[in-house]
Each structure stands twice: as C-alpha cells, then as structure tokens.
Protein backbone atom coordinates (compact mmCIF):
# COMPACT_ATOMS: atom_id res chain seq x y z
CA UNK A 1 -28.86 -28.40 298.02
CA UNK A 2 -31.07 -25.82 300.39
CA UNK A 3 -33.92 -27.55 300.70
CA UNK A 4 -36.97 -25.70 299.04
CA UNK A 5 -39.05 -23.88 301.37
CA UNK A 6 -42.15 -24.48 303.10
CA UNK A 7 -45.24 -22.33 303.70
CA UNK A 8 -44.16 -22.15 307.43
CA UNK A 9 -41.64 -19.79 306.07
CA UNK A 10 -43.39 -16.22 306.37
CA UNK A 11 -41.63 -15.29 303.07
CA UNK A 12 -43.03 -17.85 301.34
CA UNK A 13 -46.39 -18.46 302.61
CA UNK A 14 -48.63 -17.63 299.62
CA UNK A 15 -45.89 -19.01 297.00
CA UNK A 16 -46.34 -21.26 293.95
CA UNK A 17 -44.04 -23.78 295.61
CA UNK A 18 -44.58 -26.11 292.65
CA UNK A 19 -43.64 -23.55 290.16
CA UNK A 20 -40.47 -22.54 292.50
CA UNK A 21 -39.04 -25.70 292.60
CA UNK A 22 -36.96 -25.94 289.20
CA UNK A 23 -35.74 -22.38 290.11
CA UNK A 24 -34.41 -23.25 293.40
CA UNK A 25 -32.04 -22.11 294.98
CA UNK A 26 -32.26 -18.61 293.97
CA UNK A 27 -28.88 -17.09 293.21
CA UNK A 28 -28.31 -13.95 295.10
CA UNK A 29 -27.51 -10.72 293.07
CA UNK A 30 -25.52 -8.29 295.05
CA UNK A 31 -25.52 -4.73 294.58
CA UNK A 32 -23.01 -2.03 296.29
CA UNK A 33 -23.37 1.54 296.20
CA UNK A 34 -20.30 3.41 297.68
CA UNK A 35 -20.48 6.50 300.23
CA UNK A 36 -22.08 9.50 298.28
CA UNK A 37 -22.46 7.63 294.83
CA UNK A 38 -25.86 6.52 293.37
CA UNK A 39 -27.04 3.55 291.45
CA UNK A 40 -30.21 2.43 289.68
CA UNK A 41 -31.88 -0.60 288.66
CA UNK A 42 -34.90 -1.82 286.44
CA UNK A 43 -36.32 -4.93 286.58
CA UNK A 44 -39.24 -5.88 283.97
CA UNK A 45 -40.38 -9.35 283.89
CA UNK A 46 -42.95 -9.87 280.97
CA UNK A 47 -42.10 -13.07 279.39
CA UNK A 48 -43.84 -16.39 279.76
CA UNK A 49 -41.06 -18.15 281.67
CA UNK A 50 -41.05 -18.56 285.54
CA UNK A 51 -39.03 -15.98 286.92
CA UNK A 52 -37.45 -15.90 290.56
CA UNK A 53 -34.94 -13.13 291.36
CA UNK A 54 -33.06 -12.30 294.82
CA UNK A 55 -31.61 -8.72 294.59
CA UNK A 56 -29.55 -7.64 297.85
CA UNK A 57 -28.71 -3.87 297.94
CA UNK A 58 -26.24 -2.37 300.35
CA UNK A 59 -26.16 1.31 300.47
CA UNK A 60 -23.20 3.33 302.51
CA UNK A 61 -23.74 6.75 304.07
CA UNK A 62 -25.04 9.10 301.85
CA UNK A 63 -25.47 6.75 298.83
CA UNK A 64 -28.76 6.63 296.93
CA UNK A 65 -30.57 4.01 294.70
CA UNK A 66 -33.51 4.09 292.73
CA UNK A 67 -35.05 0.52 291.75
CA UNK A 68 -38.37 0.08 289.64
CA UNK A 69 -40.24 -3.00 289.17
CA UNK A 70 -42.50 -4.28 286.30
CA UNK A 71 -43.71 -7.71 287.40
CA UNK A 72 -46.09 -8.87 284.21
CA UNK A 73 -45.10 -12.31 282.75
CA UNK A 74 -47.28 -14.71 282.13
CA UNK A 75 -46.01 -17.43 284.14
CA UNK A 76 -44.84 -17.32 287.71
CA UNK A 77 -42.79 -14.17 288.89
CA UNK A 78 -41.03 -13.76 292.31
CA UNK A 79 -38.74 -11.00 292.92
CA UNK A 80 -36.98 -10.64 296.53
CA UNK A 81 -35.44 -7.24 297.37
CA UNK A 82 -33.19 -6.93 300.73
CA UNK A 83 -31.62 -3.51 301.44
CA UNK A 84 -29.43 -1.94 304.11
CA UNK A 85 -29.40 1.30 304.36
CA UNK A 86 -26.05 3.08 305.92
CA UNK A 87 -26.25 6.66 307.70
CA UNK A 88 -28.31 9.11 305.35
CA UNK A 89 -28.76 6.80 302.74
CA UNK A 90 -31.77 6.93 300.44
CA UNK A 91 -33.86 4.20 298.66
CA UNK A 92 -36.61 4.51 296.57
CA UNK A 93 -38.47 1.34 295.23
CA UNK A 94 -41.59 1.68 292.64
CA UNK A 95 -43.03 -1.52 291.59
CA UNK A 96 -46.19 -2.62 289.78
CA UNK A 97 -47.43 -6.28 289.62
CA UNK A 98 -49.92 -7.46 286.99
CA UNK A 99 -51.55 -10.61 286.52
CA UNK A 100 -54.41 -12.71 285.11
CA UNK A 101 -55.33 -16.35 284.52
CA UNK A 102 -53.93 -18.85 287.15
CA UNK A 103 -50.32 -16.94 287.92
CA UNK A 104 -49.07 -16.14 290.88
CA UNK A 105 -46.61 -13.05 291.33
CA UNK A 106 -44.57 -12.11 294.29
CA UNK A 107 -42.70 -8.90 295.71
CA UNK A 108 -40.93 -9.44 298.77
CA UNK A 109 -38.93 -6.97 300.48
CA UNK A 110 -36.95 -6.20 303.38
CA UNK A 111 -35.30 -2.94 304.02
CA UNK A 112 -33.06 -2.46 307.12
CA UNK A 113 -32.20 1.00 308.23
CA UNK A 114 -28.76 0.33 310.12
CA UNK A 115 -27.78 3.82 310.88
CA UNK A 116 -29.21 7.03 311.40
CA UNK A 117 -30.99 9.57 309.09
CA UNK A 118 -31.81 7.14 306.16
CA UNK A 119 -34.81 7.57 304.13
CA UNK A 120 -36.86 4.66 301.98
CA UNK A 121 -39.70 5.13 300.38
CA UNK A 122 -41.73 1.84 298.72
CA UNK A 123 -44.39 2.18 296.43
CA UNK A 124 -46.40 -0.83 294.83
CA UNK A 125 -49.24 -1.02 292.94
CA UNK A 126 -50.95 -4.31 292.04
CA UNK A 127 -53.60 -5.16 289.33
CA UNK A 128 -55.04 -8.75 289.13
CA UNK A 129 -57.68 -10.49 287.10
CA UNK A 130 -59.25 -14.12 286.84
CA UNK A 131 -58.00 -16.11 289.70
CA UNK A 132 -54.76 -14.81 289.98
CA UNK A 133 -52.60 -14.19 293.31
CA UNK A 134 -50.54 -11.06 293.61
CA UNK A 135 -48.60 -10.87 296.83
CA UNK A 136 -46.41 -8.24 298.64
CA UNK A 137 -44.59 -8.76 302.09
CA UNK A 138 -42.69 -5.80 303.10
CA UNK A 139 -40.80 -5.39 306.05
CA UNK A 140 -38.95 -2.31 307.42
CA UNK A 141 -36.52 -2.70 310.03
CA UNK A 142 -35.11 0.02 312.12
CA UNK A 143 -32.44 -0.96 313.93
CA UNK A 144 -30.94 0.38 317.54
CA UNK A 145 -29.62 3.75 317.08
CA UNK A 146 -31.08 4.32 313.55
CA UNK A 147 -32.60 7.71 315.00
CA UNK A 148 -34.03 10.10 312.26
CA UNK A 149 -35.51 7.14 310.37
CA UNK A 150 -37.82 8.05 307.64
CA UNK A 151 -39.70 5.23 306.08
CA UNK A 152 -42.75 5.05 304.02
CA UNK A 153 -44.92 1.98 302.25
CA UNK A 154 -47.73 2.70 300.07
CA UNK A 155 -49.27 -0.29 298.89
CA UNK A 156 -52.61 -0.85 296.93
CA UNK A 157 -54.18 -3.41 294.67
CA UNK A 158 -57.02 -3.36 291.98
CA UNK A 159 -59.24 -6.39 291.84
CA UNK A 160 -60.68 -6.94 288.16
CA UNK A 161 -62.51 -9.96 289.33
CA UNK A 162 -63.77 -11.14 292.81
CA UNK A 163 -62.03 -14.85 292.20
CA UNK A 164 -58.44 -12.98 291.96
CA UNK A 165 -56.33 -12.40 295.32
CA UNK A 166 -54.56 -9.71 296.66
CA UNK A 167 -52.33 -10.53 299.68
CA UNK A 168 -50.57 -7.59 301.60
CA UNK A 169 -48.70 -7.27 304.34
CA UNK A 170 -46.27 -4.10 305.05
CA UNK A 171 -44.66 -4.66 308.44
CA UNK A 172 -42.40 -2.21 310.65
CA UNK A 173 -39.80 -3.40 313.16
CA UNK A 174 -38.59 -0.48 315.12
CA UNK A 175 -35.83 -0.25 317.77
CA UNK A 176 -34.90 3.28 317.73
CA UNK A 177 -36.31 6.70 318.61
CA UNK A 178 -37.23 9.94 316.84
CA UNK A 179 -38.25 7.96 313.68
CA UNK A 180 -40.74 8.52 311.00
CA UNK A 181 -42.31 5.01 309.65
CA UNK A 182 -45.71 4.96 307.97
CA UNK A 183 -47.62 2.45 306.09
CA UNK A 184 -50.60 2.40 303.88
CA UNK A 185 -52.18 -0.78 302.44
CA UNK A 186 -55.65 -0.93 300.31
CA UNK A 187 -57.43 -3.48 298.24
CA UNK A 188 -60.07 -2.56 296.35
CA UNK A 189 -62.08 -2.27 292.74
CA UNK A 190 -62.25 0.06 290.09
CA UNK A 191 -64.35 3.40 291.38
CA UNK A 192 -67.50 2.82 289.76
CA UNK A 193 -68.10 7.01 289.54
CA UNK A 194 -64.98 7.29 287.90
CA UNK A 195 -65.81 4.99 285.03
CA UNK A 196 -69.32 6.53 284.86
CA UNK A 197 -67.85 9.96 284.60
CA UNK A 198 -65.20 8.87 281.80
CA UNK A 199 -68.22 7.24 280.03
CA UNK A 200 -70.17 10.44 280.22
CA UNK A 201 -67.55 12.50 278.63
CA UNK A 202 -67.79 9.99 275.64
CA UNK A 203 -65.26 7.51 276.60
CA UNK A 204 -66.07 3.94 275.34
CA UNK A 205 -66.43 1.78 278.71
CA UNK A 206 -63.10 -0.37 278.22
CA UNK A 207 -61.13 2.43 277.22
CA UNK A 208 -62.03 4.65 280.45
CA UNK A 209 -61.29 1.07 282.38
CA UNK A 210 -57.85 0.78 280.62
CA UNK A 211 -57.30 4.73 281.52
CA UNK A 212 -58.21 4.61 284.94
CA UNK A 213 -55.71 1.50 285.50
CA UNK A 214 -53.00 2.93 283.75
CA UNK A 215 -52.91 6.00 285.66
CA UNK A 216 -53.11 3.74 288.68
CA UNK A 217 -50.02 1.79 287.70
CA UNK A 218 -48.53 4.61 286.70
CA UNK A 219 -48.19 5.90 290.37
CA UNK A 220 -45.23 3.33 290.70
CA UNK A 221 -43.13 4.71 288.14
CA UNK A 222 -43.12 8.55 288.63
CA UNK A 223 -39.87 10.08 288.46
CA UNK A 224 -38.10 6.95 287.12
CA UNK A 225 -35.28 7.66 284.75
CA UNK A 226 -36.85 4.94 281.95
CA UNK A 227 -40.46 6.21 282.90
CA UNK A 228 -41.96 6.22 279.80
CA UNK A 229 -40.69 2.78 278.69
CA UNK A 230 -41.99 1.32 281.79
CA UNK A 231 -45.42 2.84 281.19
CA UNK A 232 -45.55 1.53 278.04
CA UNK A 233 -44.74 -2.02 279.04
CA UNK A 234 -47.21 -1.62 281.79
CA UNK A 235 -49.93 -0.49 279.17
CA UNK A 236 -49.22 -3.59 277.20
CA UNK A 237 -49.49 -5.91 279.65
CA UNK A 238 -52.87 -3.91 281.13
CA UNK A 239 -54.16 -4.62 277.09
CA UNK A 240 -53.89 -8.29 277.79
CA UNK A 241 -55.68 -8.48 280.89
CA UNK A 242 -58.30 -6.56 279.85
C-alpha cells in the first residue's frame, strides 16, 4: 500500500491528514478525449461524508474539455485534477469551494501544456467561514516546444470570519517561448460599500450579503451546461454558511 503523504509533500501541505487517512490511497479516475472531440465533467461534493478524488484528464490535439467543481460538503473534501494538453487543445475549469465550521476543503490542479497552441483557463472562487480552511494549489507547466501556449488562472477567496483561512498558490513553470501565461490571486472580505449600497436600496443585510456572495461564486460556473443547477446547489450551501 502506498504510504500516506506528509506535509513535506507540497500537494498535501495544508491537507487534513487525519481525515485523509481512511480514504487513502486515492484511486485515479482517468479521462481521455480523442483528437477533435469534446468532453465535460461536473463534480458536486455536498454531502456529509469525507471525500477525496483524483481525476486525470488527457486531451489529444484540438480536443476540448469543460470541468466544473462545487466542493461544498460539510466534511473533508479534496479534489485533485491533473490535465495534459495536446496541440491546440482547450481546457476550462470553473470551481467553487464553500466551507464553514472546522472543515478543510482542497482543490489541487496541475495542468501540463505538452504541445503548441493549447489553451487553459482556471477560475476558482472560495467562500469560507468559521474556522474552515480552503486551499487551492494550482500549477501550470509549459513544456519545451509548447510555443503559443495561452494559460490563465483567476483565484479569489472571500472570508466571512477572521478565523477562516484561505491558502492559494497559483504557479507557472515555463520552458517554452512565445507563450501567454498569467495568474491573479486575491483574498479578502465582502465590500462594505457594496453592502451599504444594497441596504440603502431596501435589502435586509442578510439578503444583501447572500446576493453578493452568490454573484461572486457564480463567476466559476458561467457558461457551464448545467449552470443553473450548479448555482442552485451553491446557493443552498451559502445559505447554510450564513
């Protein structure tokens, strides 16, 4: 049996190893998309059982894949995603993590641009309250010869309480020329001016807060085939947090 990782392993630095132990080892779920084909996957974690998944996706030339994740269970939740992109392949990830209490939520991604002209986008939004910990570790690796790569990471976390923790580490590893790679990361609280504006228009404070958080999380699900269902599930999780 594979040994349980330690915090010396970067991918498990912030993990709840006690909660992970009974789930270990994590079976790899493999998805392959042939050249010119498209695929999609929606992962919703919203139960009360600890969850750990590792999803490995490989895209051949000109293949596309759309993945959406809602990590909003009431127990430990870990989603790891590894992606390898062929020439001119396109990968999109939109993910939201919503947690409270003492729980730990993790999203770990590694996207490898293995050939020229591939595109990847990652949009991650987290809302954390209580003493919850939300982690995003996301690496984009551009191999030698993968010229024309276009990769972007947008990572934002909202803390409902000062006792909550958001860990974020977007990372770029580039070994090719003529690439366009960018990442942005921010951790903050709800805008007081925005809340005041909504309150001044007659919305009760709790409703104003929920509305702003709903819009924040919805950024991860824009364009999804099941966008409405994802937003409804996210709203239910937000209501439980508030």
